[in-house]
């Protein structure tokens, strides 16, 4: 037991000695932070999404069906929504099946 405590003490000495050195770093970071607002934010330079990635034909078709079904869903009144199905997932399932063309789903 004492051996473990001695080992922990010996191993923690370099960490404790490094603390004052680490405490001096934040003021240097503050100087860098003061310079950062002078530059334009990186998000303003351009889109963050990778430009080379495009959705496949299946993803595009699904997205188009979802947008069409969403537009239909928003156009329904509350009474019509209750008759079609009370929640979006059930309506989406029926609408998607209908737009795909029949029983394929």
C-alpha atoms as a PDB file:
ATOM      1  CA  UNK A   1       0.000   0.000   0.000  1.00  0.00           C
ATOM      2  CA  UNK A   2       2.747   2.426   0.914  1.00  0.00           C
ATOM      3  CA  UNK A   3       4.647   1.362  -2.181  1.00  0.00           C
ATOM      4  CA  UNK A   4       1.692   2.436  -4.353  1.00  0.00           C
ATOM      5  CA  UNK A   5       1.446   5.811  -2.660  1.00  0.00           C
ATOM      6  CA  UNK A   6       5.172   6.402  -3.177  1.00  0.00           C
ATOM      7  CA  UNK A   7       4.877   5.481  -6.865  1.00  0.00           C
ATOM      8  CA  UNK A   8       1.905   7.798  -7.332  1.00  0.00           C
ATOM      9  CA  UNK A   9       3.780  10.630  -5.635  1.00  0.00           C
ATOM     10  CA  UNK A  10       6.875  10.075  -7.785  1.00  0.00           C
ATOM     11  CA  UNK A  11       4.843   9.926 -10.998  1.00  0.00           C
ATOM     12  CA  UNK A  12       2.785  13.019 -10.140  1.00  0.00           C
ATOM     13  CA  UNK A  13       5.800  15.291  -9.519  1.00  0.00           C
ATOM     14  CA  UNK A  14       6.380  16.010 -13.254  1.00  0.00           C
ATOM     15  CA  UNK A  15       2.677  16.763 -13.695  1.00  0.00           C
ATOM     16  CA  UNK A  16       2.687  19.194 -10.791  1.00  0.00           C
ATOM     17  CA  UNK A  17       5.832  20.838 -12.121  1.00  0.00           C
ATOM     18  CA  UNK A  18       4.187  21.281 -15.535  1.00  0.00           C
ATOM     19  CA  UNK A  19       1.123  23.090 -14.095  1.00  0.00           C
ATOM     20  CA  UNK A  20       2.824  26.507 -13.785  1.00  0.00           C
ATOM     21  CA  UNK A  21       4.071  26.174 -17.362  1.00  0.00           C
ATOM     22  CA  UNK A  22       0.549  25.381 -18.548  1.00  0.00           C
ATOM     23  CA  UNK A  23      -0.905  28.281 -16.566  1.00  0.00           C
ATOM     24  CA  UNK A  24       1.219  30.719 -18.596  1.00  0.00           C
ATOM     25  CA  UNK A  25      -0.277  29.582 -21.943  1.00  0.00           C
ATOM     26  CA  UNK A  26      -3.829  31.042 -21.658  1.00  0.00           C
ATOM     27  CA  UNK A  27      -2.677  34.704 -21.784  1.00  0.00           C
ATOM     28  CA  UNK A  28      -0.864  33.913 -25.037  1.00  0.00           C
ATOM     29  CA  UNK A  29      -4.088  32.415 -26.413  1.00  0.00           C
ATOM     30  CA  UNK A  30      -5.971  35.575 -25.439  1.00  0.00           C
ATOM     31  CA  UNK A  31      -3.656  37.605 -27.652  1.00  0.00           C
ATOM     32  CA  UNK A  32      -4.434  35.280 -30.557  1.00  0.00           C
ATOM     33  CA  UNK A  33      -8.164  35.500 -29.776  1.00  0.00           C
ATOM     34  CA  UNK A  34      -8.014  39.293 -29.964  1.00  0.00           C
ATOM     35  CA  UNK A  35      -6.580  39.071 -33.480  1.00  0.00           C
ATOM     36  CA  UNK A  36      -9.189  36.564 -34.663  1.00  0.00           C
ATOM     37  CA  UNK A  37     -12.166  38.972 -34.876  1.00  0.00           C
ATOM     38  CA  UNK A  38     -10.211  41.126 -37.334  1.00  0.00           C
ATOM     39  CA  UNK A  39     -10.282  38.249 -39.828  1.00  0.00           C
ATOM     40  CA  UNK A  40     -13.408  37.175 -41.710  1.00  0.00           C
ATOM     41  CA  UNK A  41     -15.099  34.085 -40.252  1.00  0.00           C
ATOM     42  CA  UNK A  42     -14.308  30.905 -42.187  1.00  0.00           C
ATOM     43  CA  UNK A  43     -18.005  30.121 -42.695  1.00  0.00           C
ATOM     44  CA  UNK A  44     -18.402  33.303 -44.748  1.00  0.00           C
ATOM     45  CA  UNK A  45     -15.832  32.129 -47.280  1.00  0.00           C
ATOM     46  CA  UNK A  46     -17.922  29.317 -48.727  1.00  0.00           C
ATOM     47  CA  UNK A  47     -20.044  26.243 -48.041  1.00  0.00           C
ATOM     48  CA  UNK A  48     -18.757  23.799 -45.456  1.00  0.00           C
ATOM     49  CA  UNK A  49     -20.231  20.747 -47.209  1.00  0.00           C
ATOM     50  CA  UNK A  50     -17.999  18.753 -49.535  1.00  0.00           C
ATOM     51  CA  UNK A  51     -18.637  19.780 -53.116  1.00  0.00           C
ATOM     52  CA  UNK A  52     -17.872  16.396 -54.698  1.00  0.00           C
ATOM     53  CA  UNK A  53     -20.693  14.473 -53.047  1.00  0.00           C
ATOM     54  CA  UNK A  54     -24.011  14.282 -54.892  1.00  0.00           C
ATOM     55  CA  UNK A  55     -27.055  12.205 -53.949  1.00  0.00           C
ATOM     56  CA  UNK A  56     -27.731   9.094 -55.968  1.00  0.00           C
ATOM     57  CA  UNK A  57     -30.836   8.653 -58.117  1.00  0.00           C
ATOM     58  CA  UNK A  58     -32.606   6.665 -55.386  1.00  0.00           C
ATOM     59  CA  UNK A  59     -31.921   9.344 -52.782  1.00  0.00           C
ATOM     60  CA  UNK A  60     -33.102  12.080 -55.125  1.00  0.00           C
ATOM     61  CA  UNK A  61     -36.328  10.204 -55.879  1.00  0.00           C
ATOM     62  CA  UNK A  62     -36.969   9.590 -52.192  1.00  0.00           C
ATOM     63  CA  UNK A  63     -36.313  13.233 -51.357  1.00  0.00           C
ATOM     64  CA  UNK A  64     -38.699  14.361 -54.121  1.00  0.00           C
ATOM     65  CA  UNK A  65     -41.427  11.998 -52.865  1.00  0.00           C
ATOM     66  CA  UNK A  66     -40.909  13.223 -49.299  1.00  0.00           C
ATOM     67  CA  UNK A  67     -41.201  16.860 -50.381  1.00  0.00           C
ATOM     68  CA  UNK A  68     -44.373  16.105 -52.365  1.00  0.00           C
ATOM     69  CA  UNK A  69     -45.929  14.199 -49.461  1.00  0.00           C
ATOM     70  CA  UNK A  70     -44.891  16.950 -47.052  1.00  0.00           C
ATOM     71  CA  UNK A  71     -46.589  19.576 -49.205  1.00  0.00           C
ATOM     72  CA  UNK A  72     -49.753  17.445 -49.293  1.00  0.00           C
ATOM     73  CA  UNK A  73     -49.601  16.940 -45.504  1.00  0.00           C
ATOM     74  CA  UNK A  74     -49.267  20.673 -44.849  1.00  0.00           C
ATOM     75  CA  UNK A  75     -52.219  21.379 -47.174  1.00  0.00           C
ATOM     76  CA  UNK A  76     -54.547  19.072 -45.215  1.00  0.00           C
ATOM     77  CA  UNK A  77     -56.806  20.436 -42.490  1.00  0.00           C
ATOM     78  CA  UNK A  78     -56.805  18.927 -39.003  1.00  0.00           C
ATOM     79  CA  UNK A  79     -59.986  16.956 -39.763  1.00  0.00           C
ATOM     80  CA  UNK A  80     -58.480  15.549 -42.960  1.00  0.00           C
ATOM     81  CA  UNK A  81     -55.270  14.635 -41.103  1.00  0.00           C
ATOM     82  CA  UNK A  82     -57.309  12.727 -38.535  1.00  0.00           C
ATOM     83  CA  UNK A  83     -59.029  10.797 -41.339  1.00  0.00           C
ATOM     84  CA  UNK A  84     -55.759  10.053 -43.203  1.00  0.00           C
ATOM     85  CA  UNK A  85     -53.895   9.002 -40.106  1.00  0.00           C
ATOM     86  CA  UNK A  86     -53.101  11.032 -37.020  1.00  0.00           C
ATOM     87  CA  UNK A  87     -49.364  11.230 -37.454  1.00  0.00           C
ATOM     88  CA  UNK A  88     -46.846  12.069 -40.162  1.00  0.00           C
ATOM     89  CA  UNK A  89     -45.044   8.685 -40.223  1.00  0.00           C
ATOM     90  CA  UNK A  90     -48.249   6.814 -41.057  1.00  0.00           C
ATOM     91  CA  UNK A  91     -49.208   9.393 -43.692  1.00  0.00           C
ATOM     92  CA  UNK A  92     -45.685   9.320 -45.160  1.00  0.00           C
ATOM     93  CA  UNK A  93     -45.813   5.534 -45.438  1.00  0.00           C
ATOM     94  CA  UNK A  94     -49.114   5.588 -47.333  1.00  0.00           C
ATOM     95  CA  UNK A  95     -48.132   8.535 -49.528  1.00  0.00           C
ATOM     96  CA  UNK A  96     -44.720   7.061 -50.345  1.00  0.00           C
ATOM     97  CA  UNK A  97     -46.314   3.752 -51.333  1.00  0.00           C
ATOM     98  CA  UNK A  98     -48.822   5.597 -53.524  1.00  0.00           C
ATOM     99  CA  UNK A  99     -46.185   7.748 -55.257  1.00  0.00           C
ATOM    100  CA  UNK A 100     -43.867   4.804 -55.834  1.00  0.00           C
ATOM    101  CA  UNK A 101     -46.644   3.163 -57.784  1.00  0.00           C
ATOM    102  CA  UNK A 102     -48.796   0.657 -56.007  1.00  0.00           C
ATOM    103  CA  UNK A 103     -47.789  -2.007 -53.542  1.00  0.00           C
ATOM    104  CA  UNK A 104     -44.047  -1.533 -53.919  1.00  0.00           C
ATOM    105  CA  UNK A 105     -42.715  -0.196 -50.633  1.00  0.00           C
END
